[in-house]
Amino acid sequence: MPGMTRTTVTLEPDTEVLLRKRMRERGITFKQAVNEAIVVGLTTGESRPRFQTRTFDTGVPIVDLTKANQLAAELEDAHILEAMALAERDAAKR
């Protein structure tokens, strides 16, 4: 057939499984399944709108977040010290 190009394509295993399934379902050759998938993908992919994440204005924070990391570190330190004190008390009881 004029205008055809022969090329080698490396497929991911899951892609090959999908192509083989399509071949069985439609009774078509591998070449037909690949060409059909490419045409469908290229023509429908352009007409679909791209997914966009909706965003919302959350306003100004009520709490001052400039020292949030420092506060988190202090809370973590307090928790570690409390856990160490409990472990020492438990060890002293034995």
Protein backbone atom coordinates (compact mmCIF):
# COMPACT_ATOMS: atom_id res chain seq x y z
CA MET A 1 0.00 0.00 0.00
CA PRO A 2 1.57 3.35 -0.98
CA GLY A 3 2.39 5.82 1.76
CA MET A 4 2.91 3.18 4.44
CA THR A 5 5.91 3.38 6.73
CA ARG A 6 7.44 0.36 8.38
CA THR A 7 8.87 1.01 11.84
CA THR A 8 9.78 -0.76 15.07
CA VAL A 9 7.89 0.17 18.21
CA THR A 10 8.66 -0.97 21.75
CA LEU A 11 5.49 -1.45 23.77
CA GLU A 12 5.06 -1.56 27.51
CA PRO A 13 3.77 -4.98 28.66
CA ASP A 14 0.40 -3.59 29.76
CA THR A 15 -0.03 -1.89 26.38
CA GLU A 16 0.62 -5.14 24.57
CA VAL A 17 -1.97 -6.90 26.73
CA LEU A 18 -4.56 -4.27 25.77
CA LEU A 19 -3.69 -4.61 22.07
CA ARG A 20 -3.90 -8.40 22.18
CA LYS A 21 -7.29 -8.15 23.91
CA ARG A 22 -8.51 -5.77 21.19
CA MET A 23 -7.27 -8.20 18.53
CA ARG A 24 -9.25 -11.08 20.05
CA GLU A 25 -12.40 -9.01 20.56
CA ARG A 26 -12.48 -7.63 17.02
CA GLY A 27 -10.75 -10.43 15.14
CA ILE A 28 -8.15 -8.08 13.69
CA THR A 29 -4.40 -8.29 13.15
CA PHE A 30 -1.79 -6.79 15.42
CA LYS A 31 -1.01 -4.15 12.80
CA GLN A 32 -4.68 -3.17 12.54
CA ALA A 33 -5.02 -2.98 16.34
CA VAL A 34 -1.94 -0.75 16.66
CA ASN A 35 -3.02 1.57 13.84
CA GLU A 36 -6.57 1.81 15.20
CA ALA A 37 -5.31 2.60 18.71
CA ILE A 38 -2.99 5.30 17.40
CA VAL A 39 -5.67 6.93 15.26
CA VAL A 40 -8.25 6.87 18.06
CA GLY A 41 -5.72 8.18 20.58
CA LEU A 42 -4.53 10.99 18.37
CA THR A 43 -7.96 12.12 17.20
CA THR A 44 -9.91 11.89 20.46
CA GLY A 45 -7.04 13.11 22.63
CA GLU A 46 -7.08 16.54 21.01
CA SER A 47 -10.81 17.09 21.32
CA ARG A 48 -11.00 16.25 25.02
CA PRO A 49 -10.59 19.22 27.35
CA ARG A 50 -7.58 19.02 29.60
CA PHE A 51 -8.29 18.29 33.25
CA GLN A 52 -7.96 21.35 35.43
CA THR A 53 -7.88 21.40 39.21
CA ARG A 54 -10.35 23.81 40.69
CA THR A 55 -8.84 26.26 43.16
CA PHE A 56 -10.46 28.24 45.92
CA ASP A 57 -9.42 31.40 47.72
CA THR A 58 -8.96 30.44 51.36
CA GLY A 59 -8.48 34.00 52.44
CA VAL A 60 -5.94 35.29 54.91
CA PRO A 61 -4.85 32.81 57.60
CA ILE A 62 -6.30 33.54 61.03
CA VAL A 63 -3.13 32.34 62.73
CA ASP A 64 0.36 33.75 62.21
CA LEU A 65 2.17 30.99 60.33
CA THR A 66 5.61 32.62 60.28
CA LYS A 67 6.76 30.48 63.20
CA ALA A 68 4.75 27.33 62.42
CA ASN A 69 7.85 25.16 61.90
CA GLN A 70 9.38 26.40 65.14
CA LEU A 71 6.17 25.61 67.02
CA ALA A 72 6.00 22.14 65.45
CA ALA A 73 9.61 21.47 66.48
CA GLU A 74 8.96 22.61 70.04
CA LEU A 75 5.88 20.38 70.32
CA GLU A 76 7.84 17.43 68.94
CA ASP A 77 10.70 18.07 71.40
CA ALA A 78 8.22 18.20 74.30
CA HIS A 79 6.69 14.91 73.19
CA ILE A 80 10.12 13.23 72.93
CA LEU A 81 11.16 14.49 76.37
CA GLU A 82 7.88 13.22 77.86
CA ALA A 83 8.38 9.80 76.26
CA MET A 84 11.96 9.65 77.57
CA ALA A 85 10.81 10.56 81.09
CA LEU A 86 8.16 7.84 81.01
CA ALA A 87 10.74 5.31 79.82
CA GLU A 88 13.11 6.30 82.66
CA ARG A 89 10.29 5.94 85.24
CA ASP A 90 9.39 2.52 83.86
CA ALA A 91 13.05 1.43 83.96
CA ALA A 92 13.43 2.68 87.57
CA LYS A 93 10.37 0.64 88.66
CA ARG A 94 12.00 -2.61 87.47
